[in-house]
Protein backbone atom coordinates (compact mmCIF):
# COMPACT_ATOMS: atom_id res chain seq x y z
CA MET A 1 -161.15 20.95 297.88
CA SER A 2 -162.59 23.37 300.45
CA SER A 3 -165.68 25.44 299.72
CA SER A 4 -163.68 28.66 299.38
CA SER A 5 -161.10 27.00 297.12
CA SER A 6 -163.89 25.57 294.97
CA GLN A 7 -165.47 29.00 294.59
CA VAL A 8 -162.16 30.52 293.53
CA HIS A 9 -161.63 27.69 291.04
CA SER A 10 -165.12 28.19 289.59
CA PHE A 11 -164.50 31.93 289.32
CA ASN A 12 -161.24 31.35 287.46
CA ILE A 13 -162.95 28.97 285.04
CA GLN A 14 -165.79 31.41 284.36
CA ARG A 15 -163.25 34.13 283.56
CA LEU A 16 -161.98 31.96 280.71
CA ILE A 17 -165.39 31.23 279.23
CA GLN A 18 -166.57 32.83 276.04
CA LEU A 19 -170.17 32.56 274.85
CA ARG A 20 -171.17 32.31 271.22
CA PHE A 21 -174.00 30.90 269.12
CA LEU A 22 -173.63 27.54 267.45
CA CYS A 23 -172.98 27.41 263.71
CA PRO A 24 -172.95 24.59 261.11
CA ASP A 25 -169.21 24.11 261.62
CA ASP A 26 -169.97 22.92 265.17
CA ILE A 27 -172.15 19.96 264.16
CA ALA A 28 -169.46 17.28 264.50
CA GLU A 29 -168.39 18.51 267.93
CA VAL A 30 -171.97 18.89 269.17
CA LYS A 31 -172.80 15.36 267.96
CA LYS A 32 -169.95 13.97 270.01
CA LEU A 33 -171.01 15.87 273.13
CA CYS A 34 -174.64 14.81 272.83
CA ALA A 35 -173.58 11.17 272.48
CA GLU A 36 -171.67 11.51 275.76
CA TRP A 37 -174.41 13.38 277.63
CA PHE A 38 -177.70 11.84 276.54
CA PRO A 39 -178.91 8.20 276.33
CA ILE A 40 -180.57 8.75 272.94
CA GLU A 41 -179.71 9.57 269.33
CA TYR A 42 -180.81 12.84 267.78
CA PRO A 43 -181.82 12.84 264.11
CA GLU A 44 -179.43 14.45 261.65
CA SER A 45 -181.96 17.17 260.88
CA TRP A 46 -181.91 18.28 264.51
CA TYR A 47 -178.25 19.25 264.35
CA THR A 48 -178.82 21.16 261.14
CA ASP A 49 -181.79 23.02 262.59
CA ILE A 50 -180.18 24.07 265.88
CA THR A 51 -177.07 25.41 264.14
CA SER A 52 -178.77 27.33 261.33
CA SER A 53 -182.45 28.13 262.06
CA SER A 54 -183.58 31.37 263.68
CA ASN A 55 -186.29 29.39 265.49
CA PHE A 56 -183.63 28.17 267.90
CA TYR A 57 -181.53 29.85 270.56
CA SER A 58 -178.40 27.67 270.55
CA LEU A 59 -175.68 29.06 272.80
CA ALA A 60 -172.29 27.50 273.48
CA ALA A 61 -169.86 28.08 276.33
CA THR A 62 -166.28 27.71 275.12
CA ILE A 63 -162.77 27.72 276.59
CA ASN A 64 -159.90 28.10 274.14
CA SER A 65 -162.36 27.47 271.29
CA ARG A 66 -163.47 24.14 272.82
CA ILE A 67 -167.20 23.76 273.49
CA ILE A 68 -167.74 22.80 277.14
CA GLY A 69 -171.47 23.45 277.40
CA ILE A 70 -174.54 24.21 275.31
CA ILE A 71 -178.14 25.23 275.74
CA VAL A 72 -180.66 24.76 272.94
CA CYS A 73 -184.09 26.36 273.10
CA GLU A 74 -186.83 26.34 270.48
CA PHE A 75 -189.26 29.22 270.01
CA LYS A 76 -192.74 28.23 268.89
CA PRO A 77 -196.34 29.42 269.14
CA LYS A 78 -198.81 27.73 271.43
CA SER A 79 -200.54 26.17 268.42
CA HIS A 80 -197.39 24.16 267.61
CA CYS A 81 -197.08 22.53 271.03
CA ASN A 82 -197.42 18.80 271.49
CA LEU A 83 -200.70 17.69 273.00
CA GLU A 84 -199.17 16.98 276.41
CA ASP A 85 -197.94 20.60 276.60
CA PHE A 86 -201.06 22.27 275.24
CA ASP A 87 -202.38 23.25 278.68
CA ILE A 88 -199.21 24.88 280.02
CA LEU A 89 -200.62 28.38 279.51
CA ALA A 90 -203.96 29.70 280.74
CA PRO A 91 -206.68 29.13 278.12
CA HIS A 92 -207.26 32.83 277.41
CA TYR A 93 -203.91 33.12 275.60
CA PRO A 94 -204.32 33.06 271.79
CA GLN A 95 -202.82 30.30 269.67
CA ASN A 96 -200.03 32.55 268.39
CA THR A 97 -198.67 33.20 271.91
CA MET A 98 -194.96 32.41 271.88
CA MET A 99 -193.43 29.77 274.14
CA ALA A 100 -189.79 28.78 274.72
CA TYR A 101 -188.94 25.09 274.92
CA ILE A 102 -185.54 24.13 276.37
CA MET A 103 -184.56 21.10 274.33
CA SER A 104 -181.08 20.48 275.71
CA LEU A 105 -178.75 21.79 278.38
CA GLY A 106 -175.45 20.02 278.89
CA VAL A 107 -171.98 20.62 280.31
CA VAL A 108 -168.80 18.58 279.88
CA LYS A 109 -168.27 16.43 282.97
CA ASP A 110 -164.93 17.96 283.97
CA PHE A 111 -166.50 21.43 283.99
CA ARG A 112 -169.69 20.70 285.93
CA ARG A 113 -170.47 22.37 289.27
CA HIS A 114 -168.73 25.56 288.21
CA GLY A 115 -171.83 27.56 287.35
CA ILE A 116 -171.65 27.00 283.59
CA ALA A 117 -175.18 25.60 283.27
CA SER A 118 -176.46 28.57 285.28
CA LEU A 119 -174.53 30.95 283.04
CA LEU A 120 -176.12 29.46 279.92
CA LEU A 121 -179.62 29.46 281.40
CA ASP A 122 -179.23 33.02 282.72
CA ASN A 123 -178.32 34.25 279.24
CA LEU A 124 -181.37 32.57 277.75
CA LEU A 125 -183.70 34.03 280.38
CA SER A 126 -182.18 37.49 279.98
CA TYR A 127 -182.75 37.25 276.24
CA LEU A 128 -186.38 36.17 276.71
CA THR A 129 -187.23 38.81 279.31
CA SER A 130 -185.85 41.72 277.33
CA GLY A 131 -188.48 44.11 276.04
CA GLU A 132 -188.36 42.91 272.43
CA HIS A 133 -189.33 39.34 273.45
CA SER A 134 -192.17 40.18 275.82
CA GLU A 135 -194.56 38.11 273.67
CA CYS A 136 -192.96 34.93 275.09
CA LYS A 137 -194.94 33.94 278.19
CA VAL A 138 -193.41 30.69 279.41
CA VAL A 139 -190.22 28.64 279.36
CA PHE A 140 -190.73 24.89 279.65
CA LEU A 141 -188.84 21.63 279.32
CA HIS A 142 -189.07 17.86 279.71
CA VAL A 143 -186.73 15.92 281.95
CA LEU A 144 -186.25 12.27 282.85
CA ALA A 145 -187.70 11.48 286.27
CA SER A 146 -184.46 9.67 287.09
CA ASN A 147 -182.33 12.75 286.34
CA GLN A 148 -182.44 14.17 289.85
CA THR A 149 -179.43 16.41 289.23
CA ALA A 150 -181.25 18.27 286.46
CA ILE A 151 -184.51 18.37 288.45
CA ARG A 152 -182.79 19.95 291.46
CA PHE A 153 -181.02 22.42 289.18
CA TYR A 154 -184.25 23.64 287.57
CA GLU A 155 -186.15 23.74 290.85
CA ARG A 156 -183.44 25.96 292.33
CA ARG A 157 -184.01 28.27 289.36
CA ASN A 158 -187.74 28.57 290.19
CA PHE A 159 -188.99 26.10 287.58
CA ARG A 160 -192.00 24.15 288.86
CA VAL A 161 -193.27 20.73 287.86
CA HIS A 162 -196.26 20.94 285.54
CA ALA A 163 -197.10 17.34 284.71
CA SER A 164 -195.96 13.76 285.11
CA LEU A 165 -195.27 11.94 281.83
CA PRO A 166 -195.26 8.15 282.35
CA SER A 167 -193.14 6.22 279.84
CA TYR A 168 -192.59 9.44 277.91
CA TYR A 169 -189.00 8.82 276.89
CA ALA A 170 -187.67 6.13 274.58
CA THR A 171 -184.07 5.81 275.77
CA ASN A 172 -181.36 3.35 274.89
CA ASN A 173 -182.22 1.59 278.15
CA GLY A 174 -185.95 1.33 277.44
CA PRO A 175 -188.97 3.52 278.34
CA GLY A 176 -188.40 6.23 280.93
CA ASP A 177 -190.83 8.36 282.92
CA GLY A 178 -190.53 12.12 282.69
CA PHE A 179 -191.77 15.43 284.03
CA SER A 180 -192.53 18.72 282.36
CA TYR A 181 -191.26 21.82 284.18
CA VAL A 182 -192.33 25.42 283.60
CA LEU A 183 -191.23 28.96 284.39
CA TYR A 184 -193.72 31.73 283.61
CA ILE A 185 -192.17 34.97 282.35
CA ASN A 186 -193.31 38.35 281.02
CA GLY A 187 -196.61 38.13 282.90
CA GLY A 188 -197.45 34.62 281.69
CA GLN A 189 -200.08 32.75 283.69
CA PRO A 190 -200.72 29.04 284.33
CA PRO A 191 -204.10 27.37 283.77
CA PHE A 192 -206.81 27.31 286.44
CA VAL A 193 -205.10 27.14 289.84
CA VAL A 194 -207.12 24.26 291.31
CA PHE A 195 -206.28 21.89 288.46
CA GLU A 196 -202.68 23.04 288.45
CA CYS A 197 -202.38 22.17 292.16
CA LEU A 198 -203.93 18.75 291.54
CA LYS A 199 -201.47 18.06 288.73
CA GLN A 200 -198.50 19.09 290.87
CA LEU A 201 -199.76 16.86 293.69
CA GLY A 202 -200.07 13.96 291.27
CA ALA A 203 -196.58 14.61 289.91
CA PHE A 204 -195.20 14.56 293.45
CA LEU A 205 -197.01 11.34 294.31
CA SER A 206 -195.79 9.71 291.10
CA ARG A 207 -192.24 9.92 292.44
CA LEU A 208 -193.18 7.61 295.30
CA GLN A 209 -192.27 4.34 293.66
CA PRO A 210 -193.18 1.52 293.21
CA CYS A 211 -196.84 2.60 293.46
CA ALA A 212 -198.22 3.10 289.94
CA LEU A 213 -201.63 4.40 290.99
CA PRO A 214 -200.64 8.12 291.06
CA HIS A 215 -199.65 7.88 287.39
CA HIS A 216 -203.15 6.79 286.44
CA VAL A 217 -204.78 9.37 288.70
CA LEU A 218 -202.62 12.15 287.25
CA GLN A 219 -203.30 11.09 283.69
CA TYR A 220 -207.02 11.16 284.40
CA LEU A 221 -206.81 14.68 285.87
CA GLN A 222 -204.71 15.91 282.95
CA ASN A 223 -207.14 14.50 280.40
CA LEU A 224 -210.10 15.97 282.27
CA TRP A 225 -208.47 19.40 282.38
CA ARG A 226 -207.60 19.35 278.70
CA TYR A 227 -211.17 18.43 277.86
CA ILE A 228 -212.53 21.30 279.96
CA VAL A 229 -210.08 23.88 278.61
CA ASN A 230 -209.91 22.90 274.99
CA GLY A 231 -213.21 21.08 274.53
CA ALA A 232 -213.73 18.01 272.47
CA THR A 233 -212.13 19.72 269.46
CA ALA A 234 -208.71 19.48 271.12
CA ARG A 235 -208.68 15.87 270.02
CA THR A 236 -209.50 16.31 266.38
CA SER A 237 -207.65 14.33 263.76
CA SER A 238 -205.43 17.30 262.96
CA HIS A 239 -204.02 17.32 266.48
CA GLU A 240 -203.52 13.57 266.38
CA CYS A 241 -201.59 13.89 263.13
CA GLN A 242 -199.44 16.60 264.67
CA VAL A 243 -198.64 14.42 267.68
CA ASN A 244 -197.74 11.42 265.52
CA SER A 245 -195.45 13.50 263.31
CA VAL A 246 -193.40 14.77 266.25
CA ARG A 247 -193.50 11.72 268.50
CA CYS A 248 -190.05 10.52 267.49
CA SER A 249 -188.40 13.93 267.80
CA ARG A 250 -190.00 14.84 271.13
CA ARG A 251 -188.75 11.61 272.73
CA SER A 252 -185.23 12.42 271.65
CA GLN A 253 -185.18 15.66 273.61
CA ARG A 254 -183.30 15.66 276.87
CA ASN A 255 -181.87 17.94 279.56
CA SER A 256 -178.61 17.23 281.35
CA VAL A 257 -176.67 19.34 283.83
């Protein structure tokens, strides 16, 4: 198919798409799609939460009532972030600063490369950058290092790598390395620029396999930065309990385009 023909085909498909929020009646269909898209199993509670809780932005793209794509984003304050994401925002932001975490983005295989993922992401970003949601300062996500399609997609949308996450994912095929990606919105600011540059350099170097040294260097820089920003109290027992309680759920979160 030529480039012009492909564009016309994509345009015709987008004309048929209707967007709506997920509801509890969608759980069975969403379960099936997630099993096809992601190499993990989500807990039952996750499906209940994303289809009924106001803490989630769960948007579906449909054609003739069939779901062909979804985006799921969780809204949470900085204080509820996992330890590895605690330094995404500059330290002067208070603990109640809102953040948006993209948990899942997926499109049915036959409908990929027609702009559906972009349509879903655009709607989320438009929602977050409207005046009534100006308290949200950053959109972030985790992605498998091996998922180059998703990485290229987010980088084209101005997301930037924040940190390398060695062995972060527990997939059906064993441990998998990951990256965290961020997009600052509504005037949000990253942490101290020098450390941010060092982390991005380390994340870039960590892609140069099979050398494992950059992983250790990056982890050291990340730990040093967290200690400087948050002080020794950032590793109190309360934070450790929080990390342990969400470890299973965080490793089941995935992005697919």
